[in-house]
Protein backbone atom coordinates (compact mmCIF):
# COMPACT_ATOMS: atom_id res chain seq x y z
CA MET A 1 127.25 249.49 109.28
CA PHE A 2 127.48 247.88 106.54
CA TYR A 3 129.52 245.06 108.19
CA GLU A 4 127.18 245.47 111.19
CA LYS A 5 124.38 244.03 108.92
CA SER A 6 126.20 241.71 107.02
CA PHE A 7 127.11 240.27 110.09
CA ILE A 8 123.45 240.03 111.80
CA GLU A 9 122.16 238.59 108.69
CA SER A 10 124.32 236.16 108.45
CA GLU A 11 123.50 235.31 112.28
CA PHE A 12 119.79 234.92 110.88
CA TYR A 13 120.92 232.63 108.39
CA GLN A 14 122.72 230.19 110.51
CA LEU A 15 120.00 230.15 112.99
CA THR A 16 117.92 229.35 110.36
CA MET A 17 119.58 227.02 108.11
CA GLY A 18 121.05 225.35 111.27
CA THR A 19 117.73 224.85 112.45
CA THR A 20 116.29 223.24 109.36
CA SER A 21 119.21 221.39 108.70
CA LYS A 22 118.60 219.39 112.06
CA SER A 23 114.96 218.83 110.97
CA ILE A 24 115.83 217.35 107.83
CA ALA A 25 118.56 215.01 109.10
CA LEU A 26 115.33 214.30 111.74
CA VAL A 27 112.83 213.69 109.13
CA LEU A 28 115.21 211.24 107.31
CA VAL A 29 116.79 209.20 110.28
CA ALA A 30 112.42 208.84 111.24
CA LEU A 31 112.03 207.64 107.28
CA PHE A 32 114.82 205.26 107.51
CA LEU A 33 114.03 203.30 111.01
CA ILE A 34 110.21 203.45 109.21
CA THR A 35 111.88 201.64 106.13
CA LEU A 36 114.05 199.31 108.20
CA VAL A 37 110.51 198.48 110.41
CA THR A 38 108.32 198.27 107.70
CA VAL A 39 110.10 195.94 104.70
CA PRO A 40 110.62 192.63 105.77
CA SER A 41 114.14 191.00 105.32
CA VAL A 42 112.59 188.10 103.46
CA GLN A 43 109.87 188.31 100.51
CA PRO A 44 107.96 185.64 99.22
CA VAL A 45 109.46 184.25 96.10
CA HIS A 46 107.42 183.11 93.18
CA ALA A 47 107.87 178.96 92.22
CA ALA A 48 109.61 179.20 89.27
CA LEU A 49 110.56 175.47 88.54
CA SER A 50 111.78 174.43 85.27
CA TRP A 51 111.70 170.67 84.82
CA SER A 52 113.79 168.50 82.65
CA VAL A 53 112.55 164.70 82.07
CA GLN A 54 114.81 161.69 80.52
CA ILE A 55 115.09 158.30 79.82
CA LEU A 56 118.61 156.52 81.54
CA ASP A 57 118.19 153.14 80.50
CA LYS A 58 115.74 151.56 78.60
CA ASN A 59 116.84 147.96 79.54
CA ALA A 60 115.56 147.84 83.37
CA ALA A 61 113.99 145.12 85.20
CA PRO A 62 110.54 145.60 86.03
CA GLY A 63 109.71 146.60 89.48
CA GLY A 64 112.41 146.76 92.28
CA HIS A 65 114.02 150.13 93.30
CA ALA A 66 115.93 153.01 91.67
CA PRO A 67 117.73 154.73 94.65
CA ILE A 68 119.87 158.42 93.44
CA GLU A 69 122.27 160.08 95.71
CA VAL A 70 123.72 163.29 95.30
CA ASP A 71 127.41 163.50 96.22
CA SER A 72 129.48 166.29 97.55
CA ASN A 73 130.11 167.55 94.16
CA ASN A 74 126.85 167.57 93.05
CA ILE A 75 127.53 164.80 90.90
CA LEU A 76 124.66 162.51 90.63
CA HIS A 77 124.53 158.42 91.13
CA MET A 78 121.63 155.99 90.88
CA ALA A 79 121.41 152.29 91.24
CA TYR A 80 118.75 149.85 89.83
CA CYS A 81 118.39 146.52 88.37
CA GLY A 82 119.23 146.24 84.61
CA THR A 83 118.23 142.79 82.13
CA THR A 84 119.65 141.56 79.34
CA ILE A 85 117.77 139.63 77.62
CA LEU A 86 119.55 136.27 75.96
CA HIS A 87 118.24 133.78 73.64
CA GLN A 88 114.37 134.23 75.12
CA GLU A 89 116.08 134.15 78.64
CA THR A 90 115.79 137.45 80.84
CA LEU A 91 118.78 137.80 83.18
CA TRP A 92 119.29 140.34 85.92
CA SER A 93 122.08 142.81 85.92
CA ASN A 94 122.66 145.29 88.27
CA GLY A 95 122.94 149.11 86.85
CA TYR A 96 125.05 151.60 88.43
CA ALA A 97 124.94 155.07 86.76
CA THR A 98 126.79 158.56 87.22
CA LEU A 99 125.71 161.88 85.75
CA ASN A 100 128.46 164.57 85.76
CA GLY A 101 127.47 167.13 82.71
CA ALA A 102 125.32 166.00 80.85
CA ASP A 103 126.21 162.49 79.98
CA TRP A 104 125.47 158.89 82.35
CA ILE A 105 128.11 156.95 82.84
CA ILE A 106 126.32 153.29 83.30
CA GLN A 107 128.17 150.26 84.95
CA GLU A 108 126.64 147.08 84.70
CA ARG A 109 127.93 144.08 87.04
CA PRO A 110 125.22 140.83 88.10
CA PHE A 111 124.29 141.68 91.37
CA GLY A 112 120.11 141.01 91.46
CA TYR A 113 117.68 143.48 92.67
CA VAL A 114 119.17 146.69 94.56
CA THR A 115 117.41 147.79 97.55
CA ASP A 116 119.36 150.49 98.73
CA LEU A 117 122.11 152.79 97.78
CA LYS A 118 124.41 155.28 100.03
CA LEU A 119 127.62 157.39 99.55
CA ASP A 120 130.37 157.71 101.77
CA ALA A 121 132.71 160.73 102.53
CA ASP A 122 134.99 160.36 99.55
CA ASN A 123 131.65 160.07 97.25
CA ASN A 124 132.00 156.07 96.67
CA PRO A 125 128.79 153.91 96.39
CA HIS A 126 127.70 151.24 98.73
CA MET A 127 124.70 149.02 97.39
CA LEU A 128 122.80 146.51 99.24
CA ILE A 129 121.70 144.03 96.97
CA ASP A 130 119.05 141.18 97.11
CA PRO A 131 120.27 138.35 94.65
CA GLY A 132 116.95 136.57 94.74
CA VAL A 133 114.47 134.08 97.08
CA TYR A 134 116.65 132.27 99.45
CA SER A 135 119.89 134.06 98.87
CA PRO A 136 121.43 135.99 101.64
CA LEU A 137 122.17 139.91 100.92
CA THR A 138 125.26 140.98 99.26
CA TYR A 139 126.76 144.57 100.29
CA ALA A 140 128.91 145.84 97.30
CA LYS A 141 131.12 148.71 97.70
CA TRP A 142 133.36 150.11 95.11
CA THR A 143 136.56 151.14 96.19
CA GLY A 144 137.56 153.83 93.04
CA THR A 145 138.47 151.13 90.52
CA GLU A 146 136.26 147.91 91.22
CA TRP A 147 133.44 146.36 93.17
CA LEU A 148 134.34 144.66 96.60
CA THR A 149 131.21 142.65 97.23
CA GLN A 150 130.44 140.73 100.83
CA THR A 151 127.53 138.38 101.66
CA ILE A 152 126.09 139.14 104.95
CA PRO A 153 124.88 135.55 107.10
CA SER A 154 121.93 135.06 108.19
CA THR A 155 120.03 137.20 105.56
CA GLU A 156 118.36 134.42 103.34
CA ARG A 157 114.70 135.16 104.00
CA SER A 158 115.26 138.75 104.33
CA VAL A 159 112.30 140.63 102.95
CA TYR A 160 112.89 144.42 103.07
CA ALA A 161 116.12 145.99 104.25
CA SER A 162 117.87 149.28 104.36
CA LEU A 163 121.63 150.59 104.76
CA ALA A 164 123.65 153.31 106.42
CA LEU A 165 126.90 153.97 106.52
CA ASP A 166 128.46 155.40 109.63
CA LEU A 167 131.45 157.84 109.95
CA SER A 168 134.46 155.64 108.86
CA GLY A 169 132.39 154.59 105.84
CA ASN A 170 131.13 151.26 107.67
CA PRO A 171 128.13 149.47 106.89
CA HIS A 172 124.86 148.97 108.82
CA VAL A 173 122.03 147.39 107.64
CA ALA A 174 118.79 146.48 109.43
CA TYR A 175 116.82 143.85 108.03
CA THR A 176 113.95 141.28 108.38
CA TYR A 177 114.36 137.58 109.05
CA GLY A 178 111.72 135.22 109.75
CA GLU A 179 109.60 136.95 112.20
CA GLY A 180 112.36 139.45 113.84
CA LEU A 181 114.15 142.57 113.02
CA GLN A 182 117.54 142.48 112.92
CA TYR A 183 120.47 144.95 112.69
CA ALA A 184 123.88 144.02 111.48
CA ARG A 185 127.47 146.10 111.78
CA TRP A 186 130.66 145.41 109.89
CA THR A 187 133.47 146.06 112.57
CA GLY A 188 136.32 146.21 110.27
CA SER A 189 137.05 142.45 110.36
CA SER A 190 133.34 141.04 110.60
CA TRP A 191 129.84 141.44 110.95
CA ASP A 192 128.11 141.93 114.41
CA ILE A 193 124.53 140.61 114.11
CA GLU A 194 121.46 141.07 117.20
CA THR A 195 118.04 141.05 117.23
CA VAL A 196 116.41 144.62 117.60
CA ASP A 197 112.80 143.40 117.77
CA ALA A 198 111.80 139.26 117.42
CA SER A 199 108.01 140.19 117.22
CA TYR A 200 108.75 141.67 114.05
CA SER A 201 106.30 140.45 111.53
CA GLU A 202 108.02 139.81 107.64
CA ASN A 203 104.93 141.22 106.73
CA ALA A 204 105.10 144.71 107.17
CA PHE A 205 106.13 147.26 104.74
CA MET A 206 108.87 148.71 105.41
CA LEU A 207 111.42 149.82 107.32
CA SER A 208 113.99 152.46 107.45
CA LEU A 209 117.56 152.71 109.04
CA VAL A 210 119.37 156.30 109.57
CA LEU A 211 122.41 156.76 111.73
CA ASP A 212 123.34 160.45 114.23
CA LYS A 213 125.97 162.28 113.95
CA ASN A 214 127.44 159.95 116.73
CA ASN A 215 126.67 156.49 114.84
CA ARG A 216 123.74 155.76 117.17
CA PRO A 217 121.47 153.85 114.79
CA TYR A 218 117.76 154.63 114.62
CA ILE A 219 115.20 152.07 113.02
CA LEU A 220 111.69 153.02 112.07
CA TYR A 221 109.56 150.06 110.96
CA ALA A 222 105.77 149.53 110.87
CA ASN A 223 104.45 145.87 112.23
CA SER A 224 100.94 144.84 111.76
CA SER A 225 98.13 145.98 113.75
CA GLN A 226 94.73 144.22 114.62
CA TYR A 227 92.76 146.51 112.40
CA GLN A 228 92.22 145.51 108.50
CA ASP A 229 91.40 147.96 105.55
CA TYR A 230 88.69 145.85 103.92
CA VAL A 231 88.81 148.44 100.81
CA ARG A 232 92.43 147.21 100.23
CA ALA A 233 92.19 143.94 101.59
CA TYR A 234 95.49 143.87 104.36
CA ASN A 235 96.28 144.70 107.81
CA LEU A 236 96.43 148.55 109.00
CA LEU A 237 99.90 149.41 110.44
CA SER A 238 101.62 150.43 113.92
CA VAL A 239 104.81 152.50 113.60
CA LYS A 240 107.40 152.16 116.14
CA LEU A 241 110.97 153.37 116.18
CA ALA A 242 113.68 151.45 117.80
CA VAL A 243 117.12 153.30 118.81
CA LEU A 244 120.41 151.48 120.52
CA LYS A 245 121.05 153.10 123.41
CA ASP A 246 124.36 152.17 125.88
CA SER A 247 121.69 150.15 127.98
CA GLY A 248 120.06 148.40 124.89
CA TRP A 249 117.89 148.96 122.53
CA SER A 250 114.85 151.31 123.38
CA ILE A 251 111.68 150.64 121.51
CA GLU A 252 108.86 152.97 121.55
CA PRO A 253 105.37 153.27 119.48
CA VAL A 254 104.98 156.21 117.53
CA LEU A 255 101.30 157.87 117.61
CA VAL A 256 99.86 154.66 118.95
CA ASN A 257 95.79 156.21 118.39
CA TYR A 258 96.68 156.05 114.82
CA ASN A 259 96.22 153.19 112.31
CA PHE A 260 98.08 153.86 109.06
CA SER A 261 98.48 152.16 105.64
CA GLY A 262 101.98 153.13 104.79
CA CYS A 263 105.26 154.53 106.24
CA TRP A 264 107.93 156.12 103.79
CA ASN A 265 111.42 156.30 104.65
CA MET A 266 113.02 158.51 107.96
CA VAL A 267 115.43 161.17 107.89
CA LEU A 268 117.18 162.92 110.68
CA ASP A 269 117.37 166.81 110.69
CA SER A 270 120.45 169.21 111.68
CA LYS A 271 119.39 168.55 115.23
CA GLY A 272 119.13 165.05 115.05
CA TYR A 273 115.44 165.01 115.70
CA PRO A 274 113.60 162.17 113.14
CA HIS A 275 111.24 163.04 110.21
CA PHE A 276 109.06 160.45 107.99
CA LEU A 277 106.45 159.91 106.40
CA ALA A 278 103.07 158.07 106.42
CA THR A 279 99.56 157.25 105.02
CA LEU A 280 96.56 156.94 106.58
CA PRO A 281 93.53 155.34 105.35
CA GLN A 282 90.26 157.04 103.68
CA LEU A 283 87.10 155.33 105.17
CA ARG A 284 85.59 152.69 102.22
CA THR A 285 87.89 154.77 99.57
CA GLN A 286 91.00 153.48 97.66
CA PHE A 287 92.54 157.49 98.67
CA SER A 288 94.64 158.23 101.19
CA LYS A 289 95.71 161.10 103.32
CA ILE A 290 99.53 161.43 103.39
CA LEU A 291 100.78 163.14 106.67
CA TYR A 292 104.39 164.48 107.64
CA ILE A 293 105.56 163.32 111.24
CA SER A 294 108.19 165.14 113.22
CA TRP A 295 109.60 164.84 116.16
CA ASP A 296 110.47 168.40 118.24
CA GLY A 297 112.55 166.86 121.02
CA SER A 298 109.35 166.32 123.10
CA THR A 299 106.43 165.22 120.91
CA TRP A 300 105.21 163.94 117.72
CA LYS A 301 103.90 166.90 115.26
CA THR A 302 101.80 165.52 112.51
CA GLN A 303 100.74 167.28 109.21
CA THR A 304 98.74 166.92 106.29
CA VAL A 305 100.35 166.89 102.92
CA VAL A 306 97.53 165.65 100.84
CA SER A 307 94.02 164.63 102.08
CA GLU A 308 93.08 162.67 99.15
CA ALA A 309 95.90 160.53 97.37
CA ASP A 310 95.18 158.23 95.21
CA LEU A 311 98.54 156.54 95.94
CA ASP A 312 100.30 154.28 93.34
CA ASN A 313 103.40 153.51 95.47
CA ARG A 314 105.17 154.88 98.18
CA GLY A 315 107.51 158.15 97.75
CA PHE A 316 110.66 159.05 99.59
CA LEU A 317 111.38 162.23 101.70
CA ALA A 318 114.41 164.28 102.01
CA LEU A 319 115.03 167.57 104.01
CA ASP A 320 117.43 170.26 102.63
CA VAL A 321 119.82 172.86 104.52
CA GLN A 322 117.15 174.28 106.51
CA ASP A 323 115.53 171.12 107.18
CA ASN A 324 112.31 172.05 105.37
CA PRO A 325 110.83 168.45 104.02
CA ASN A 326 110.43 167.77 100.26
CA ILE A 327 108.19 164.87 99.03
CA VAL A 328 107.98 162.94 96.13
CA TYR A 329 105.11 160.26 95.49
CA SER A 330 103.17 158.78 92.53
CA THR A 331 99.50 157.68 91.81
CA ARG A 332 97.54 155.83 90.01
CA ASP A 333 96.62 158.35 87.42
CA ASN A 334 100.57 157.72 86.05
CA GLU A 335 101.44 161.11 87.90
CA VAL A 336 104.90 161.95 89.52
CA ILE A 337 104.00 164.85 92.38
CA TYR A 338 106.81 166.77 93.61
CA THR A 339 105.91 168.84 97.00
CA TYR A 340 108.03 170.77 99.28
CA TRP A 341 107.20 173.41 102.42
CA THR A 342 107.34 176.44 102.12
CA GLY A 343 106.97 177.73 105.56
CA ALA A 344 103.57 178.11 105.70
CA ASP A 345 102.12 175.90 103.12
CA TRP A 346 102.92 172.84 100.83
CA LYS A 347 103.46 173.59 97.28
CA ASN A 348 102.95 171.03 94.88
CA GLN A 349 104.18 170.63 90.97
CA THR A 350 103.83 167.69 89.00
CA VAL A 351 106.63 166.25 87.05
CA PRO A 352 105.85 166.36 83.65
CA THR A 353 106.45 162.74 82.24
CA GLY A 354 104.52 162.87 79.28
CA ASN A 355 103.60 159.95 77.66
CA LEU A 356 107.10 158.22 78.36
CA VAL A 357 105.81 155.68 80.38
CA TYR A 358 102.23 154.21 80.74
CA VAL A 359 102.44 153.22 84.79
CA ILE A 360 104.77 154.05 87.63
CA ASP A 361 106.57 150.63 88.33
CA GLY A 362 107.50 150.77 91.92
CA PRO A 363 109.13 153.62 94.65
CA CYS A 364 110.12 156.86 93.00
CA TYR A 365 113.15 158.56 94.91
CA LEU A 366 114.17 162.25 95.85
CA ALA A 367 117.46 163.62 96.41
CA LEU A 368 118.45 167.65 96.57
CA ASP A 369 121.61 168.64 95.45
CA SER A 370 123.24 171.96 97.28
CA ASN A 371 121.59 174.37 95.68
CA GLY A 372 118.31 172.87 96.56
CA ASN A 373 117.32 171.55 93.36
CA PRO A 374 115.13 168.11 93.08
CA HIS A 375 116.33 165.15 91.53
CA ILE A 376 114.13 162.26 90.94
CA SER A 377 114.30 158.75 89.78
CA PHE A 378 111.12 156.44 89.00
CA ARG A 379 110.81 153.73 86.30
CA GLY A 380 108.21 152.14 84.49
CA PRO A 381 107.34 150.48 81.17
CA MET A 382 107.47 152.59 77.98
CA PRO A 383 104.70 152.21 75.47
CA GLY A 384 105.66 148.82 73.18
CA GLN A 385 107.14 147.41 76.20
CA GLN A 386 105.92 144.71 78.13
CA HIS A 387 105.44 145.34 81.78
CA TRP A 388 105.81 142.00 82.97
CA ARG A 389 109.32 141.46 81.62
CA GLU A 390 110.57 145.20 80.65
CA ALA A 391 110.87 148.41 82.62
CA SER A 392 112.44 151.81 81.52
CA ILE A 393 114.39 153.62 84.32
CA LEU A 394 113.48 157.62 84.36
CA TYR A 395 115.16 160.73 85.82
CA ALA A 396 113.78 164.14 86.18
CA SER A 397 115.29 167.16 88.10
CA ALA A 398 114.35 170.84 88.23
CA THR A 399 116.07 174.34 88.48
CA GLY A 400 114.90 177.56 89.70
CA THR A 401 113.74 179.24 92.44
CA LYS A 402 111.31 177.70 95.32
CA GLU A 403 108.67 179.75 97.31
CA PHE A 404 109.53 180.35 100.80
CA THR A 405 107.96 182.70 102.87
CA GLN A 406 110.15 182.39 106.00
CA SER A 407 113.77 183.61 106.49
CA PRO A 408 116.12 180.18 107.07
CA THR A 409 117.82 180.57 110.45
CA ILE A 410 119.18 177.32 111.20
CA GLN A 411 122.59 178.51 109.97
CA PRO A 412 123.95 179.82 113.32
CA SER A 413 125.96 182.73 111.65
CA SER A 414 123.25 183.95 109.51
CA THR A 415 122.04 186.85 110.73
CA THR A 416 118.65 188.05 109.51
CA THR A 417 115.78 190.76 110.09
CA PRO A 418 112.65 189.41 111.61
CA VAL A 419 109.43 189.92 109.98
CA PHE A 420 107.20 191.54 112.25
CA PRO A 421 103.57 190.92 112.07
CA LEU A 422 101.40 193.91 110.81
CA PRO A 423 99.88 194.82 113.74
CA ILE A 424 103.58 195.77 115.04
CA VAL A 425 104.48 197.65 111.66
CA ALA A 426 100.95 200.16 112.11
CA ALA A 427 102.07 200.49 115.47
CA ALA A 428 105.40 201.21 115.17
CA VAL A 429 104.85 203.34 112.27
CA VAL A 430 102.23 205.21 114.16
CA LEU A 431 104.87 206.06 117.31
CA VAL A 432 107.64 207.09 114.66
CA MET A 433 105.50 209.66 112.65
CA PHE A 434 104.56 210.63 116.24
CA ILE A 435 107.93 211.08 117.51
CA VAL A 436 108.99 213.26 114.41
CA VAL A 437 106.18 215.92 114.53
CA VAL A 438 107.04 216.36 118.11
CA THR A 439 110.52 216.59 117.54
CA VAL A 440 110.24 219.19 114.61
CA GLY A 441 107.34 220.89 116.24
CA ALA A 442 109.91 221.86 118.71
CA LEU A 443 112.58 222.84 117.06
CA LEU A 444 110.13 225.70 115.22
CA PHE A 445 109.11 226.71 118.29
CA ARG A 446 112.53 227.11 119.78
CA ARG A 447 113.44 228.65 116.41
CA HIS A 448 110.42 230.92 116.53
CA GLN A 449 112.04 231.85 120.35
CA LYS A 450 115.37 232.98 119.33
CA LEU A 451 114.21 234.73 116.17
CA SER A 452 111.89 236.83 118.14
CA LEU A 453 114.90 237.62 120.64
CA VAL A 454 117.48 238.12 117.74
CA LYS A 455 115.00 240.62 116.16
CA GLU A 456 114.30 242.68 119.91
CA ASP A 457 117.83 242.83 120.41
CA VAL A 458 118.56 244.69 116.66
CA GLU A 459 116.09 246.83 117.32
CA ALA A 460 117.25 247.72 120.95
CA ASN A 461 120.93 248.41 119.50
CA TYR A 462 120.77 249.19 115.79
CA GLY A 463 117.28 251.16 115.54
CA TYR A 464 116.18 248.96 112.68
């Protein structure tokens, strides 16, 4: 009899515990599914950038450019125009600096004004130099041991110029020449020069040359329109994009209904689509609206970065590895502003320049390292310097975590859990909880039925 009762008790135990285990397992699975649905894969991260600003060179020429690049080893390269004062006479010299670790290494050579800087696949720098009025453009290349220079023919009257390198490291140059826009490329033995747009005005404010992955050139340039900004006393601009196709140059206006007051550099994203920055004048004020303009494959899209900016000089655009835009510009209040797109809005940060310079003299430049950290170069006279003959080169960098509100999806190998909208999350939670309640209720009902049958069987066979 003892054996029989133990056997019956064990039957009750297995039935009860087995059903309870199944119920617990289902509840745990349901909770796990709720967690997957309700917890997004990417949480917004609060910006925590820490800035560092330093003076690179106190003996720079006023005005001009100071382009900056980051190579594949995250080593910084910067080019600018330096000065040497000899017997009360200011001599211009080219400055080229690299930062590897904590120390800047500066080289000098009498090239003239640096207008552009690019790095090849071996991280060697290539420069475009403007020696002065009525002098042809000079192209300079570092071989690893010495500088090699070439004169680009028929560039004596160039006003604006832009440099790009093809996959073989050969230079391509877009520049103004009189009343025309010219394009020159190095074939390996000579310069091949052609006219892109004969109607291009040398009074325009910018041009930007980039090459895509197939070495196809894109030239963004601005031409004077028929409208004038009477506050700033200059003509407004119409922007065009020239692309070299198999049949020749294709020139199309960009946002034909817009009259811009300025236009900044152009970059291509991972799909080969162009992005650039432009400014629109605010009516009867000195303020400008900064627009971020991008091509999506079928149309031009615009976003307002800053509604009212008191701009001092044109800024610079860079894209990170997720094709998110990063921007730097300066204002008349002697501020350097860094702005980046979070996926939902624009985040602005003022670079803490302190009182190092009392005016930003010339455009700011921006480069991003492999971690997406910004590196900014700009110039201006320090207190005590004569702004018409002296300036200093400054460098600012930031480290930390930027704030992003979307998951990067550009990398084909990456896998991310989508972030669902709140109504879908709520509906999913209700549905999962309903399934859990119905399932557990059904199991409890089945257990009650089985227990009743076992009890009746026990009473019939054993009398208790």
